[in-house]
Amino acid sequence: MGGHGHGPPYKIPSYEQFTIKGIPQLEELEKALEKKGLRDPWI
């Protein structure tokens, strides 16, 4: 179960580098949830 010479182990990127800005569907979803007093921490 080791690397077996296939390169360095996979590095998980930071969640902070991803944003919903510029994705209309996700921005609309965020606004719709906001109107209901909700917030989705995953978007």
N, C-alpha and C. Protein backbone atom coordinates (compact mmCIF):
# COMPACT_ATOMS: atom_id res chain seq x y z
N MET A 1 0.82 -1.20 0.00
CA MET A 1 0.00 0.00 0.00
C MET A 1 0.86 1.26 0.00
N GLY A 2 2.13 1.13 -0.28
CA GLY A 2 3.00 2.30 -0.31
C GLY A 2 2.93 3.00 -1.65
N GLY A 3 3.86 3.92 -1.87
CA GLY A 3 3.86 4.69 -3.10
C GLY A 3 4.30 3.89 -4.32
N HIS A 4 5.12 2.87 -4.12
CA HIS A 4 5.61 2.01 -5.19
C HIS A 4 6.22 2.80 -6.34
N GLY A 5 6.87 3.91 -6.04
CA GLY A 5 7.58 4.67 -7.05
C GLY A 5 6.70 5.43 -8.03
N HIS A 6 5.47 5.72 -7.68
CA HIS A 6 4.56 6.43 -8.57
C HIS A 6 4.57 7.93 -8.33
N GLY A 7 5.56 8.44 -7.70
CA GLY A 7 5.63 9.88 -7.45
C GLY A 7 5.27 10.19 -6.01
N PRO A 8 5.33 11.47 -5.66
CA PRO A 8 5.03 11.87 -4.28
C PRO A 8 3.56 11.64 -3.95
N PRO A 9 3.25 11.50 -2.68
CA PRO A 9 1.85 11.29 -2.28
C PRO A 9 1.00 12.50 -2.66
N TYR A 10 -0.27 12.25 -2.87
CA TYR A 10 -1.22 13.30 -3.27
C TYR A 10 -1.35 14.33 -2.15
N LYS A 11 -1.26 15.61 -2.51
CA LYS A 11 -1.42 16.68 -1.54
C LYS A 11 -2.82 17.27 -1.69
N ILE A 12 -3.57 17.29 -0.62
CA ILE A 12 -4.94 17.81 -0.64
C ILE A 12 -4.88 19.34 -0.65
N PRO A 13 -5.53 19.97 -1.64
CA PRO A 13 -5.51 21.43 -1.71
C PRO A 13 -6.33 22.06 -0.58
N SER A 14 -5.98 23.27 -0.23
CA SER A 14 -6.70 23.99 0.82
C SER A 14 -8.08 24.42 0.32
N TYR A 15 -9.08 24.31 1.17
CA TYR A 15 -10.43 24.72 0.80
C TYR A 15 -10.50 26.22 0.53
N GLU A 16 -9.56 26.97 1.09
CA GLU A 16 -9.59 28.42 0.98
C GLU A 16 -9.32 28.92 -0.44
N GLN A 17 -8.75 28.07 -1.29
CA GLN A 17 -8.45 28.52 -2.65
C GLN A 17 -9.66 28.45 -3.57
N PHE A 18 -10.74 27.83 -3.12
CA PHE A 18 -11.94 27.70 -3.94
C PHE A 18 -12.98 28.72 -3.50
N THR A 19 -13.70 29.28 -4.47
CA THR A 19 -14.71 30.29 -4.18
C THR A 19 -15.89 30.12 -5.13
N ILE A 20 -17.05 30.59 -4.71
CA ILE A 20 -18.24 30.48 -5.57
C ILE A 20 -18.40 31.72 -6.45
N LYS A 21 -17.58 32.72 -6.22
CA LYS A 21 -17.69 33.95 -7.01
C LYS A 21 -17.44 33.64 -8.47
N GLY A 22 -18.34 34.12 -9.32
CA GLY A 22 -18.20 33.88 -10.75
C GLY A 22 -18.95 32.65 -11.24
N ILE A 23 -19.60 31.92 -10.32
CA ILE A 23 -20.41 30.75 -10.70
C ILE A 23 -21.87 31.12 -10.39
N PRO A 24 -22.62 31.55 -11.42
CA PRO A 24 -23.97 32.08 -11.20
C PRO A 24 -24.90 31.15 -10.43
N GLN A 25 -24.87 29.86 -10.72
CA GLN A 25 -25.78 28.92 -10.05
C GLN A 25 -25.50 28.88 -8.55
N LEU A 26 -24.24 28.88 -8.16
CA LEU A 26 -23.91 28.83 -6.74
C LEU A 26 -24.20 30.16 -6.04
N GLU A 27 -24.00 31.26 -6.75
CA GLU A 27 -24.33 32.56 -6.17
C GLU A 27 -25.83 32.68 -5.94
N GLU A 28 -26.64 32.18 -6.89
CA GLU A 28 -28.10 32.19 -6.72
C GLU A 28 -28.52 31.32 -5.55
N LEU A 29 -27.90 30.16 -5.42
CA LEU A 29 -28.22 29.26 -4.31
C LEU A 29 -27.90 29.92 -2.98
N GLU A 30 -26.75 30.58 -2.91
CA GLU A 30 -26.36 31.26 -1.67
C GLU A 30 -27.39 32.34 -1.30
N LYS A 31 -27.86 33.10 -2.30
CA LYS A 31 -28.85 34.16 -2.04
C LYS A 31 -30.19 33.56 -1.60
N ALA A 32 -30.59 32.46 -2.24
CA ALA A 32 -31.86 31.81 -1.88
C ALA A 32 -31.80 31.28 -0.45
N LEU A 33 -30.68 30.71 -0.06
CA LEU A 33 -30.53 30.21 1.31
C LEU A 33 -30.53 31.37 2.30
N GLU A 34 -29.86 32.47 1.91
CA GLU A 34 -29.79 33.65 2.77
C GLU A 34 -31.18 34.19 3.09
N LYS A 35 -32.07 34.19 2.08
CA LYS A 35 -33.44 34.68 2.27
C LYS A 35 -34.19 33.85 3.31
N LYS A 36 -33.82 32.58 3.43
CA LYS A 36 -34.46 31.69 4.39
C LYS A 36 -33.72 31.67 5.73
N GLY A 37 -32.68 32.49 5.83
CA GLY A 37 -31.91 32.55 7.06
C GLY A 37 -30.94 31.40 7.22
N LEU A 38 -30.57 30.78 6.10
CA LEU A 38 -29.68 29.63 6.14
C LEU A 38 -28.35 29.96 5.49
N ARG A 39 -27.34 29.18 5.82
CA ARG A 39 -26.03 29.33 5.21
C ARG A 39 -25.44 27.94 5.05
N ASP A 40 -24.97 27.64 3.84
CA ASP A 40 -24.35 26.35 3.57
C ASP A 40 -22.84 26.53 3.64
N PRO A 41 -22.17 25.95 4.63
CA PRO A 41 -20.73 26.13 4.76
C PRO A 41 -19.93 25.41 3.67
N TRP A 42 -20.59 24.57 2.89
CA TRP A 42 -19.87 23.79 1.88
C TRP A 42 -19.84 24.45 0.52
N ILE A 43 -20.57 25.58 0.35
CA ILE A 43 -20.49 26.26 -0.95
C ILE A 43 -19.73 27.55 -0.81
